[in-house]
Protein backbone atom coordinates (compact mmCIF):
# COMPACT_ATOMS: atom_id res chain seq x y z
CA MET A 1 -24.70 14.46 20.16
CA THR A 2 -27.37 14.88 17.49
CA THR A 3 -28.59 12.18 15.17
CA THR A 4 -26.74 13.78 12.25
CA HIS A 5 -23.47 13.70 14.16
CA ARG A 6 -24.02 10.04 15.07
CA ILE A 7 -24.67 9.13 11.46
CA VAL A 8 -21.63 11.04 10.23
CA SER A 9 -19.45 9.50 12.97
CA GLY A 10 -20.66 6.01 12.13
CA MET A 11 -20.13 6.49 8.42
CA THR A 12 -16.63 7.87 9.04
CA ALA A 13 -15.73 4.84 11.16
CA ILE A 14 -17.01 2.48 8.46
CA VAL A 15 -15.07 4.28 5.73
CA PHE A 16 -11.84 4.23 7.75
CA ALA A 17 -12.27 0.53 8.54
CA ALA A 18 -12.84 -0.23 4.86
CA ALA A 19 -9.80 1.80 3.84
CA LEU A 20 -7.57 0.09 6.38
CA SER A 21 -8.79 -3.40 5.52
CA GLY A 22 -7.96 -2.73 1.87
CA CYS A 23 -4.34 -2.13 2.88
CA ALA A 24 -3.93 -5.55 4.47
CA SER A 25 -3.19 -8.52 2.29
CA SER A 26 -2.17 -12.06 3.12
CA GLU A 27 -0.72 -12.58 -0.34
CA PRO A 28 2.41 -10.82 -1.62
CA PRO A 29 2.06 -8.66 -4.74
CA LYS A 30 2.62 -10.37 -8.07
CA ALA A 31 6.17 -10.34 -9.45
CA ASN A 32 7.25 -7.78 -12.00
CA VAL A 33 10.20 -9.96 -13.01
CA TYR A 34 9.49 -13.32 -14.56
CA ALA A 35 12.05 -16.10 -14.47
CA TYR A 36 12.11 -19.00 -16.91
CA PRO A 37 14.00 -22.15 -15.83
CA SER A 38 16.38 -22.29 -18.81
CA GLN A 39 18.60 -25.01 -17.33
CA GLY A 40 15.86 -27.56 -16.62
CA GLN A 41 15.24 -26.58 -13.00
CA THR A 42 12.34 -28.46 -11.40
CA PRO A 43 9.29 -26.58 -10.10
CA GLN A 44 10.49 -27.32 -6.55
CA LYS A 45 13.96 -25.91 -7.31
CA GLN A 46 12.42 -22.84 -8.94
CA ALA A 47 10.21 -22.25 -5.88
CA GLN A 48 13.25 -22.54 -3.59
CA ASP A 49 15.35 -20.22 -5.78
CA THR A 50 12.50 -17.71 -6.00
CA SER A 51 12.09 -17.63 -2.22
CA GLU A 52 15.83 -17.26 -1.62
CA CYS A 53 16.18 -14.54 -4.27
CA GLN A 54 13.22 -12.61 -2.84
CA ALA A 55 14.86 -12.67 0.59
CA TRP A 56 18.20 -11.60 -0.92
CA ALA A 57 16.63 -8.75 -2.91
CA LYS A 58 14.85 -7.56 0.24
CA GLN A 59 18.13 -7.68 2.20
CA GLN A 60 20.04 -5.85 -0.54
CA THR A 61 17.52 -3.07 -1.11
CA GLY A 62 15.92 -2.77 2.33
CA TRP A 63 12.55 -2.85 0.60
CA ASP A 64 9.81 -5.42 1.08
CA PRO A 65 6.96 -5.49 -1.46
CA VAL A 66 4.48 -6.65 1.18
CA THR A 67 5.15 -4.30 4.10
CA SER A 68 6.30 -1.22 2.18
CA THR A 69 2.93 -0.87 0.46
CA ALA A 70 1.02 -1.10 3.75
CA LYS A 71 3.32 1.41 5.45
CA GLY A 72 2.87 3.91 2.62
CA ALA A 73 -0.89 3.45 2.71
CA GLY A 74 -0.98 3.99 6.49
CA ILE A 75 1.05 7.18 6.28
CA GLY A 76 -1.05 8.40 3.34
CA LEU A 77 -4.23 7.63 5.28
CA ALA A 78 -3.09 9.69 8.28
CA ILE A 79 -1.91 12.66 6.23
CA GLY A 80 -4.98 12.57 3.97
CA ALA A 81 -7.34 12.36 6.94
CA LEU A 82 -5.71 15.34 8.68
CA GLY A 83 -5.71 17.44 5.52
CA GLY A 84 -9.26 16.41 4.66
CA ALA A 85 -10.49 17.18 8.17
CA ALA A 86 -8.96 20.65 8.06
CA LEU A 87 -10.40 21.41 4.63
CA GLY A 88 -13.77 19.90 5.60
CA ALA A 89 -13.91 21.92 8.83
CA ALA A 90 -13.18 25.13 6.95
CA THR A 91 -15.83 24.36 4.35
CA GLY A 92 -18.28 23.19 7.01
CA ALA A 93 -17.71 26.35 9.06
CA ALA A 94 -18.59 28.43 6.01
CA VAL A 95 -21.96 26.71 5.73
CA GLY A 96 -22.57 26.39 9.48
CA SER A 97 -21.51 22.83 10.33
CA ALA A 98 -17.77 22.59 10.97
CA GLY A 99 -17.98 19.20 12.74
CA THR A 100 -19.86 17.49 9.92
CA GLY A 101 -17.55 19.03 7.32
CA ALA A 102 -14.47 17.86 9.25
CA ALA A 103 -15.79 14.29 9.51
CA ILE A 104 -16.65 14.08 5.82
CA GLY A 105 -13.33 15.69 4.86
CA ALA A 106 -11.37 13.30 7.07
CA ALA A 107 -13.05 10.28 5.49
CA ALA A 108 -12.51 11.47 1.93
CA GLY A 109 -8.96 12.61 2.62
CA GLY A 110 -8.10 9.36 4.38
CA ILE A 111 -9.23 7.21 1.48
CA GLY A 112 -7.40 9.31 -1.10
CA GLY A 113 -4.28 9.51 1.05
CA ALA A 114 -4.19 5.74 1.61
CA ALA A 115 -4.48 5.03 -2.09
CA TYR A 116 -1.81 7.55 -3.03
CA GLY A 117 0.54 6.62 -0.18
CA GLY A 118 0.42 2.91 -0.93
CA THR A 119 1.00 3.42 -4.65
CA SER A 120 3.84 5.92 -4.36
CA GLN A 121 5.66 3.97 -1.64
CA TYR A 122 5.38 0.79 -3.69
CA SER A 123 6.75 2.42 -6.84
CA LYS A 124 9.75 3.97 -5.09
CA GLY A 125 11.32 0.70 -3.96
CA GLN A 126 9.96 -1.64 -6.58
CA ALA A 127 12.52 -0.88 -9.29
CA GLY A 128 15.56 -1.63 -7.12
CA TYR A 129 13.98 -4.73 -5.64
CA ASP A 130 13.03 -6.06 -9.09
CA GLN A 131 16.55 -5.43 -10.38
CA ALA A 132 18.11 -7.30 -7.44
CA PHE A 133 15.65 -10.18 -7.73
CA GLY A 134 16.31 -10.47 -11.48
CA ALA A 135 20.08 -10.46 -10.96
CA CYS A 136 19.81 -13.22 -8.36
CA MET A 137 17.61 -15.41 -10.55
CA SER A 138 19.85 -14.82 -13.60
CA GLY A 139 22.85 -15.88 -11.53
CA ARG A 140 21.06 -19.15 -10.72
CA GLY A 141 20.52 -20.02 -14.39
CA TYR A 142 17.11 -18.49 -15.16
CA THR A 143 16.21 -16.28 -18.10
CA THR A 144 14.53 -13.16 -16.71
CA LYS A 145 12.28 -10.51 -18.23
């Protein structure tokens, strides 16, 4: 393996690791539905109601704001990397370096695919989840927006 191939392989590994680490989060996404305690609920009661309504909305819709985003990003990463590698190999073959072109294409395609996959997967289930969460909180005496 030549020095150029080693550099390209190393850079590709670093880019993939960075893309994957960006998909992981220990904190759930911020709410799109805000609930005001209109019946004097305490902060502790609001926290309990919020947790229970999040679980109920997840159960009703089958969508989880934390894991659905990561799944979409992972699928997007894989599809983008494959497509990018194919396009990069074709371009690289035209200029005499199919392997280098494939590696660069896979890295670029993987990053773009992860970003698109995470965003589109999140948007698809978010509306139903937010509606269910809002209905649950409204039923418990909160004003929701």
